Protein backbone atom coordinates (compact mmCIF):
# COMPACT_ATOMS: atom_id res chain seq x y z
CA MET A 1 0.06 -0.02 0.01
CA LYS A 2 1.47 3.45 -0.95
CA ILE A 3 1.63 6.32 1.35
CA VAL A 4 -1.44 8.06 -0.31
CA GLU A 5 -3.50 4.89 0.28
CA GLU A 6 -2.30 4.60 3.86
CA ARG A 7 -3.49 8.09 4.53
CA ALA A 8 -6.77 7.36 2.82
CA GLN A 9 -7.29 4.29 4.96
CA LYS A 10 -6.48 6.31 8.20
CA VAL A 11 -9.07 8.90 7.32
CA CYS A 12 -11.68 6.20 6.66
CA ARG A 13 -10.91 4.46 10.03
CA GLY A 14 -11.24 7.81 11.77
CA LEU A 15 -14.49 8.52 10.21
CA GLU A 16 -15.56 5.01 11.26
CA ALA A 17 -14.46 5.67 14.76
CA SER A 18 -16.38 8.86 15.03
CA GLY A 19 -19.63 7.34 13.61
CA VAL A 20 -19.77 9.39 10.37
CA TYR A 21 -18.23 6.74 8.03
CA ARG A 22 -20.23 6.20 4.88
CA LYS A 23 -20.54 3.19 2.48
CA ILE A 24 -22.54 2.40 -0.52
CA GLU A 25 -25.79 0.55 0.42
CA GLN A 26 -27.87 -1.33 -1.89
CA ILE A 27 -31.61 -1.35 -1.28
CA GLY A 28 -33.01 -4.86 -1.83
CA PRO A 29 -36.34 -5.95 -2.99
CA ALA A 30 -37.11 -7.15 0.59
CA MET A 31 -37.63 -3.61 1.69
CA ARG A 32 -41.28 -3.14 2.59
CA VAL A 33 -41.21 0.58 2.92
CA ASN A 34 -38.84 2.89 1.06
CA LEU A 35 -38.33 6.33 2.98
CA ALA A 36 -35.05 7.04 1.35
CA SER A 37 -35.94 7.95 -2.13
CA ASN A 38 -36.32 11.29 -3.73
CA ASP A 39 -38.80 9.97 -6.23
CA TYR A 40 -41.44 11.99 -4.75
CA LEU A 41 -44.32 11.40 -7.18
CA GLY A 42 -43.28 7.79 -7.84
CA VAL A 43 -42.41 8.49 -11.43
CA VAL A 44 -39.41 6.10 -11.32
CA ARG A 45 -40.88 3.39 -9.23
CA ARG A 46 -43.94 2.93 -11.51
CA GLY A 47 -41.90 3.30 -14.67
CA LEU A 48 -44.00 6.08 -15.93
CA LEU A 49 -41.33 7.62 -18.28
CA ARG A 50 -40.14 4.09 -19.60
CA PRO A 51 -42.28 4.43 -22.78
CA SER A 52 -40.76 7.99 -23.37
CA PHE A 53 -37.19 6.78 -22.94
CA THR A 54 -37.67 3.67 -25.25
CA ARG A 55 -39.23 5.93 -27.83
CA HIS A 56 -36.52 8.41 -27.85
CA ALA A 57 -33.60 6.23 -27.33
CA GLY A 58 -34.53 4.33 -30.48
CA ARG A 59 -33.87 7.43 -32.67
CA MET A 60 -31.65 9.83 -30.58
CA ALA A 61 -28.10 9.68 -29.20
CA THR A 62 -27.82 7.99 -25.79
CA GLY A 63 -24.48 9.87 -24.89
CA GLY A 64 -23.64 13.66 -24.95
CA ALA A 65 -20.60 13.16 -27.32
CA SER A 66 -19.07 16.55 -26.48
CA SER A 67 -19.82 19.68 -24.49
CA ARG A 68 -22.75 21.92 -25.30
CA LEU A 69 -20.55 24.35 -27.12
CA ILE A 70 -18.75 22.04 -29.35
CA PHE A 71 -21.12 19.55 -30.88
CA GLY A 72 -23.42 18.64 -27.77
CA THR A 73 -26.46 21.01 -28.33
CA THR A 74 -29.30 19.52 -30.32
CA ASN A 75 -32.69 20.40 -31.18
CA ALA A 76 -34.00 18.51 -28.14
CA HIS A 77 -31.82 20.63 -25.91
CA ARG A 78 -33.20 23.82 -27.36
CA ALA A 79 -36.83 22.59 -27.13
CA LEU A 80 -36.26 21.58 -23.54
CA GLU A 81 -34.88 24.84 -22.44
CA GLU A 82 -37.68 26.84 -24.32
CA LYS A 83 -40.25 24.64 -22.57
CA LEU A 84 -38.75 25.00 -19.18
CA ALA A 85 -38.76 28.81 -19.48
CA ALA A 86 -42.28 28.96 -20.67
CA GLN A 87 -43.68 26.59 -18.12
CA PHE A 88 -42.13 28.28 -15.13
CA GLY A 89 -42.40 31.82 -16.32
CA TYR A 90 -38.79 32.83 -17.07
CA GLU A 91 -37.29 34.33 -20.01
CA ALA A 92 -34.63 31.67 -20.54
CA ALA A 93 -33.28 28.37 -19.25
CA LEU A 94 -30.03 26.46 -19.36
CA VAL A 95 -29.83 22.58 -19.05
CA PHE A 96 -26.90 20.84 -17.34
CA THR A 97 -26.12 17.16 -16.73
CA SER A 98 -27.20 17.38 -13.08
CA GLY A 99 -28.57 19.71 -10.52
CA PHE A 100 -25.24 19.60 -8.65
CA MET A 101 -23.68 20.94 -11.81
CA ALA A 102 -26.13 23.61 -12.30
CA ASN A 103 -25.71 24.85 -8.75
CA TYR A 104 -21.87 24.53 -8.79
CA GLY A 105 -21.52 26.39 -12.01
CA LEU A 106 -23.89 29.17 -11.25
CA CYS A 107 -22.44 29.79 -7.88
CA SER A 108 -18.78 29.80 -9.03
CA ALA A 109 -19.57 32.23 -11.76
CA LEU A 110 -21.64 34.46 -9.47
CA LYS A 111 -18.46 35.61 -7.62
CA GLU A 112 -17.55 37.35 -10.77
CA LEU A 113 -20.74 39.49 -10.62
CA ALA A 114 -21.65 40.09 -6.89
CA ASP A 115 -19.99 42.07 -4.25
CA THR A 116 -21.59 40.18 -1.42
CA VAL A 117 -23.24 36.77 -1.28
CA LEU A 118 -25.60 35.77 1.52
CA ILE A 119 -26.41 32.03 2.04
CA ASP A 120 -28.53 30.08 4.38
CA LYS A 121 -26.31 27.80 6.33
CA ARG A 122 -28.10 24.79 5.13
CA VAL A 123 -27.78 25.37 1.46
CA HIS A 124 -26.70 22.36 -0.80
CA ALA A 125 -23.11 21.40 -0.81
CA SER A 126 -22.95 22.30 -4.60
CA VAL A 127 -23.63 25.96 -3.66
CA VAL A 128 -20.84 26.05 -1.11
CA ASP A 129 -18.45 24.25 -3.40
CA GLY A 130 -19.18 26.54 -6.21
CA LEU A 131 -18.71 29.68 -4.05
CA MET A 132 -15.32 28.31 -2.87
CA GLN A 133 -14.19 27.79 -6.57
CA GLY A 134 -14.98 31.10 -8.30
CA MET A 135 -14.20 32.06 -11.82
CA GLY A 136 -13.18 35.44 -10.84
CA GLY A 137 -13.91 38.44 -8.49
CA LYS A 138 -13.73 38.66 -4.71
CA ALA A 139 -17.31 38.50 -3.54
CA ASP A 140 -17.61 38.50 0.30
CA VAL A 141 -19.59 35.41 1.25
CA ARG A 142 -21.60 35.43 4.55
CA SER A 143 -23.98 32.79 5.98
CA PHE A 144 -27.12 33.46 7.99
CA LYS A 145 -28.75 31.12 10.44
CA HIS A 146 -30.95 28.53 8.96
CA ASN A 147 -34.25 30.02 7.81
CA ASP A 148 -33.80 32.93 10.25
CA PRO A 149 -35.40 36.19 8.95
CA SER A 150 -34.12 38.14 11.89
CA HIS A 151 -30.40 37.06 11.34
CA TYR A 152 -30.87 37.66 7.75
CA ARG A 153 -32.24 41.27 8.29
CA ARG A 154 -29.19 41.94 10.64
CA LEU A 155 -26.68 40.70 8.01
CA ALA A 156 -28.39 42.58 5.23
CA GLY A 157 -28.44 45.75 7.24
CA HIS A 158 -24.60 46.04 7.16
CA ILE A 159 -24.48 45.68 3.34
CA SER A 160 -24.03 48.80 1.27
CA GLY A 161 -24.42 49.10 -2.49
CA ASP A 162 -26.53 47.05 -5.01
CA GLY A 163 -24.21 44.23 -5.70
CA CYS A 164 -25.75 41.66 -3.27
CA ALA A 165 -27.04 38.21 -4.07
CA THR A 166 -28.81 35.90 -1.77
CA ILE A 167 -29.00 32.10 -2.06
CA THR A 168 -31.57 29.89 -0.27
CA GLU A 169 -33.76 26.80 -0.92
CA SER A 170 -37.56 26.53 -1.11
CA LEU A 171 -37.49 23.09 0.64
CA PHE A 172 -34.53 22.14 2.58
CA SER A 173 -33.26 18.82 1.88
CA MET A 174 -32.29 17.57 5.35
CA THR A 175 -34.53 19.44 7.91
CA GLY A 176 -37.67 19.70 5.56
CA ALA A 177 -38.16 23.21 6.42
CA VAL A 178 -39.90 25.53 3.94
CA CYS A 179 -38.12 28.79 3.29
CA SER A 180 -39.40 31.79 5.18
CA GLY A 181 -41.49 34.02 2.98
CA GLU A 182 -39.93 37.05 4.92
CA ILE A 183 -36.48 36.15 3.73
CA ILE A 184 -37.67 35.71 0.10
CA ASP A 185 -39.33 39.10 0.13
CA GLU A 186 -36.39 40.88 1.77
CA ALA A 187 -33.92 39.24 -0.40
CA ALA A 188 -35.87 40.20 -3.58
CA ARG A 189 -35.80 43.76 -2.34
CA LEU A 190 -32.14 43.96 -1.46
CA GLY A 191 -30.64 42.50 -4.70
CA PHE A 192 -30.29 39.38 -6.79
CA LEU A 193 -32.23 36.33 -5.41
CA ILE A 194 -31.42 32.64 -6.32
CA VAL A 195 -33.53 29.96 -5.08
CA ASP A 196 -32.81 26.27 -5.28
CA GLU A 197 -36.08 24.30 -5.75
CA ALA A 198 -34.53 20.92 -6.36
CA HIS A 199 -36.66 19.16 -3.67
CA SER A 200 -39.91 21.10 -4.26
CA ILE A 201 -40.29 21.71 -8.01
CA GLY A 202 -43.05 19.40 -9.43
CA ALA A 203 -43.97 18.05 -6.06
CA CYS A 204 -45.57 20.79 -3.92
CA GLU A 205 -47.49 23.20 -6.02
CA PRO A 206 -50.55 22.61 -8.35
CA SER A 207 -49.58 21.58 -11.76
CA GLY A 208 -46.17 21.15 -10.49
CA LYS A 209 -45.30 24.87 -10.36
CA LEU A 210 -42.50 26.60 -8.34
CA VAL A 211 -43.19 27.34 -4.79
CA PHE A 212 -41.59 30.78 -5.27
CA GLY A 213 -40.34 31.71 -8.72
CA ARG A 214 -40.59 35.02 -10.65
CA GLY A 215 -43.82 36.06 -8.95
CA HIS A 216 -41.96 36.31 -5.60
CA GLY A 217 -38.99 38.18 -7.38
CA VAL A 218 -36.79 35.26 -7.62
CA ASP A 219 -34.18 36.06 -10.37
CA ALA A 220 -32.84 32.68 -10.83
CA THR A 221 -34.24 29.30 -9.93
CA ILE A 222 -32.25 26.02 -9.73
CA GLY A 223 -34.10 22.77 -10.48
CA THR A 224 -33.44 19.10 -11.28
CA PHE A 225 -35.02 16.24 -13.36
CA GLY A 226 -33.55 13.76 -10.88
CA LYS A 227 -36.19 13.96 -8.23
CA ALA A 228 -39.92 14.57 -8.82
CA PHE A 229 -39.55 14.47 -12.54
CA GLY A 230 -37.92 11.03 -12.30
CA SER A 231 -35.27 11.44 -15.11
CA LEU A 232 -31.75 12.89 -15.53
CA GLY A 233 -30.34 16.39 -15.67
CA GLY A 234 -30.59 19.82 -13.87
CA PHE A 235 -31.33 23.35 -15.07
CA ILE A 236 -31.14 27.03 -14.36
CA LEU A 237 -34.25 29.28 -14.97
CA CYS A 238 -33.15 32.98 -15.37
CA SER A 239 -33.08 36.07 -17.72
CA THR A 240 -31.63 35.98 -21.24
CA VAL A 241 -28.82 38.25 -20.01
CA LEU A 242 -27.77 35.81 -17.29
CA GLN A 243 -28.12 32.78 -19.67
CA GLU A 244 -25.70 34.55 -21.95
CA PHE A 245 -23.17 35.12 -19.30
CA LEU A 246 -23.43 31.60 -18.08
CA VAL A 247 -22.78 30.14 -21.57
CA ASN A 248 -19.56 32.12 -21.50
CA ARG A 249 -18.37 31.97 -17.97
CA CYS A 250 -19.97 28.85 -16.17
CA ARG A 251 -17.32 26.19 -16.09
CA SER A 252 -19.62 23.21 -15.40
CA PHE A 253 -21.40 24.13 -18.66
CA ILE A 254 -18.48 24.90 -20.83
CA PHE A 255 -16.25 21.88 -19.93
CA THR A 256 -18.89 19.13 -19.25
CA THR A 257 -20.19 16.67 -21.82
CA ALA A 258 -23.70 17.50 -22.68
CA LEU A 259 -26.80 15.84 -21.28
CA PRO A 260 -27.65 13.05 -23.81
CA GLU A 261 -29.98 14.00 -26.33
CA SER A 262 -32.43 11.25 -25.54
CA TYR A 263 -32.60 12.45 -21.91
CA ALA A 264 -33.34 16.10 -23.09
CA ALA A 265 -36.36 14.59 -25.01
CA VAL A 266 -37.33 12.54 -22.05
CA GLY A 267 -37.09 15.64 -19.82
CA ALA A 268 -39.61 17.51 -22.04
CA ASP A 269 -41.99 14.57 -21.69
CA ALA A 270 -41.37 14.66 -17.89
CA LEU A 271 -42.52 18.31 -17.67
CA ASP A 272 -45.86 17.25 -19.35
CA LEU A 273 -46.29 14.19 -17.19
CA VAL A 274 -45.60 15.84 -13.81
CA ARG A 275 -47.74 18.91 -14.70
CA GLY A 276 -50.87 16.61 -14.72
CA MET A 277 -50.05 14.71 -11.40
CA ASP A 278 -51.98 16.83 -9.05
CA GLU A 279 -53.72 13.61 -7.52
CA GLU A 280 -50.22 12.38 -6.54
CA ARG A 281 -49.20 15.87 -5.16
CA ALA A 282 -52.36 15.79 -2.97
CA LYS A 283 -51.73 12.36 -1.71
CA LEU A 284 -48.14 13.27 -0.87
CA ALA A 285 -49.36 16.34 1.09
CA ASN A 286 -51.84 14.14 3.05
CA LEU A 287 -49.12 11.55 3.76
CA SER A 288 -46.92 14.25 5.03
CA SER A 289 -49.64 15.71 7.36
CA TYR A 290 -50.46 12.20 8.67
CA LEU A 291 -46.91 11.14 9.44
CA SER A 292 -46.09 14.52 11.04
CA ALA A 293 -49.01 14.38 13.30
CA GLY A 294 -48.37 10.68 14.21
CA LEU A 295 -44.75 11.42 15.16
CA ARG A 296 -45.81 14.28 17.28
CA ALA A 297 -48.35 12.05 19.00
CA GLU A 298 -45.54 9.75 19.89
CA GLU A 299 -43.32 12.63 21.07
CA PHE A 300 -40.49 12.18 18.65
CA ARG A 301 -38.46 15.31 18.12
CA THR A 302 -39.05 16.28 14.38
CA SER A 303 -38.90 18.97 11.92
CA GLY A 304 -40.28 19.29 8.46
CA GLY A 305 -42.88 21.22 6.57
CA ALA A 306 -43.64 19.16 3.39
CA HIS A 307 -42.72 15.61 2.11
CA ILE A 308 -39.37 15.76 3.81
CA LEU A 309 -39.37 15.09 7.53
CA ALA A 310 -36.47 14.71 10.03
CA VAL A 311 -36.55 12.54 13.17
CA TYR A 312 -33.65 13.50 15.48
CA CYS A 313 -31.54 11.07 17.18
CA SER A 314 -29.03 11.39 20.25
CA GLY A 315 -25.76 11.07 18.07
CA ALA A 316 -24.18 9.76 14.99
CA GLU A 317 -23.82 6.14 16.32
CA ALA A 318 -27.41 6.27 17.50
CA ALA A 319 -28.76 7.41 14.07
CA VAL A 320 -26.69 4.68 12.30
CA GLU A 321 -28.03 2.00 14.70
CA VAL A 322 -31.74 3.19 14.33
CA SER A 323 -31.25 3.07 10.63
CA ARG A 324 -29.84 -0.36 10.74
CA LEU A 325 -32.63 -1.74 12.89
CA LEU A 326 -35.19 -0.17 10.54
CA HIS A 327 -33.48 -1.83 7.58
CA GLU A 328 -33.79 -5.06 9.39
CA ARG A 329 -37.68 -4.46 9.70
CA GLY A 330 -37.84 -3.78 5.93
CA ILE A 331 -37.78 0.10 6.19
CA ALA A 332 -35.20 1.89 3.91
CA ILE A 333 -34.16 5.18 5.74
CA TYR A 334 -31.02 7.26 5.67
CA ALA A 335 -29.17 8.33 8.71
CA VAL A 336 -27.78 11.95 8.16
CA ARG A 337 -24.61 12.76 10.04
CA PRO A 338 -22.02 15.59 10.04
CA PRO A 339 -20.79 17.19 7.83
CA THR A 340 -24.14 17.00 6.00
CA VAL A 341 -25.69 18.52 9.11
CA PRO A 342 -23.86 20.52 11.93
CA PRO A 343 -22.05 18.71 14.61
CA GLY A 344 -24.33 17.53 17.45
CA GLU A 345 -27.44 17.43 15.16
CA VAL A 346 -27.99 14.08 13.84
CA LEU A 347 -31.30 12.90 12.20
CA LEU A 348 -33.19 10.24 10.12
CA ARG A 349 -34.26 11.75 6.84
CA VAL A 350 -37.70 10.61 5.97
CA SER A 351 -38.40 11.28 2.43
CA LEU A 352 -41.96 10.43 1.40
CA ASN A 353 -43.35 9.41 -2.07
CA ALA A 354 -46.80 9.09 -3.55
CA THR A 355 -46.61 5.32 -3.91
CA LEU A 356 -46.81 4.94 -0.01
CA GLU A 357 -49.93 4.24 1.83
CA ILE A 358 -51.14 5.12 5.41
CA ASP A 359 -50.44 1.59 6.46
CA ASP A 360 -46.79 2.02 5.50
CA LEU A 361 -46.53 5.10 7.70
CA ASP A 362 -48.26 3.29 10.65
CA PHE A 363 -45.81 0.54 10.27
CA PHE A 364 -42.95 2.96 10.36
CA ILE A 365 -44.20 4.72 13.52
CA GLU A 366 -44.78 1.44 15.25
CA GLN A 367 -41.21 0.34 14.50
CA LEU A 368 -39.65 3.60 15.71
CA ARG A 369 -41.81 3.27 18.89
CA GLN A 370 -40.49 -0.37 19.49
CA ILE A 371 -37.01 0.63 18.88
CA ARG A 372 -37.30 3.57 21.37
CA LYS A 373 -38.94 1.29 23.89
CA SER A 374 -35.96 -1.19 23.72
CA ASP A 375 -33.39 1.72 23.96
CA HIS A 376 -34.76 5.11 24.87
CA CYS A 377 -31.27 6.80 24.68
CA LEU A 378 -31.18 6.44 20.93
CA PHE A 379 -33.35 9.34 20.47
CA GLY A 380 -31.97 11.53 23.26
CA GLY A 381 -35.45 12.36 24.85
CA ALA A 382 -39.03 12.33 23.80
CA THR A 383 -39.81 15.96 23.26
CA CYS A 384 -41.12 17.21 19.86
CA GLU A 385 -39.48 20.17 18.31
CA ASN A 386 -40.83 21.49 15.00
CA THR A 387 -37.90 23.65 14.22
CA GLY A 388 -38.85 26.97 12.48
CA GLU A 389 -42.30 25.92 11.56
CA ALA A 390 -44.09 28.83 13.01
CA SER A 391 -42.22 31.29 10.86
CA VAL A 392 -42.18 29.56 7.41
CA ARG A 393 -44.72 29.91 4.77
CA GLN A 394 -46.04 26.49 3.76
CA PRO A 395 -46.38 25.61 0.07
CA ARG A 396 -49.88 25.79 -1.26
CA GLN A 397 -50.84 22.01 -1.60
CA VAL A 398 -53.77 20.46 -3.31
CA ARG A 399 -55.75 18.34 -0.79
CA LEU A 400 -57.73 15.22 -1.63
CA GLN A 401 -61.43 15.76 -1.32
CA PRO A 402 -63.54 13.19 0.61
CA GLY A 403 -64.26 10.36 -1.53
CA SER A 404 -61.73 11.11 -4.19
């Protein structure tokens, strides 16, 4: 073993000892309940886009061949970008190979444009990584407390000039909190506003619309096809001016092989499919309300305002153990540990999808209750804490009518 590998092994053993070691897990068919997937509407699980992929893959390229600027842009890419802009109310759109690459590229290029960048402490890693990279410029990057309008106002109050940008998320991927409307409103007035809607787009609003978007003063929205839309790729919704700038300065666009033509065509079909899935969105909202109430009734400490819920554990090792015990009982769930969340805050991330039933949620709650009964210390107490829920604006969700 060479010295680099020895050091790599030492790092891994240290992570293992501290309870934050990760390994690739395969979810087997024996899992009765899947609470780990971001397939929020069940598009992947039910194979709803399989006919679309089969049709397009039979006549289109299955690989990107080159970057978008060389030989990678096809009619399918242009059609998808036009459809994205029209459907979500923006002047333009730019498609990437993934949501991570869209976020990373936009944020690295942003440092060339902004004097100050304010970010929520819980934004995606792709935002942080992009801001650490930077194409040029020396923007001052500051973070505000998670979903905290008061702290945002205090930071904003010390900023002079118009070159300020704010980055936040509509639905936070770990805590499940919905972004405060106060932050959205103030950030839109202060300067340039970017909202990452990766976990909400298609899943929360009627017709799969954005939670915020241009109507709330959002200048650029980040989205992905890899979650509610059940496909592949990411995108930025923005003005034609910003799109032109990104084509010239966004490294993850310029130097990355294009999204395959066939997936660009599938993405356009996914937009049509998801727009008509209000019944699934209504079911998802009802499942979320039911589970949240059930966990509160059992006095688990939780957070979450939509289809992502968090159940807090007493530590990293406890979360891993609870996750393992749930796996043994046929429940797929992910234990979230630092650095994904701050030190001292460890949780089970519950990701709901529209293929679940109330019986599945009852089974999950009962298994949690039994695990806590056998070892109460795994959850570090039995108080319920819905962090930040009083101050957030909930997404407008369609509700199932009686008998529907």
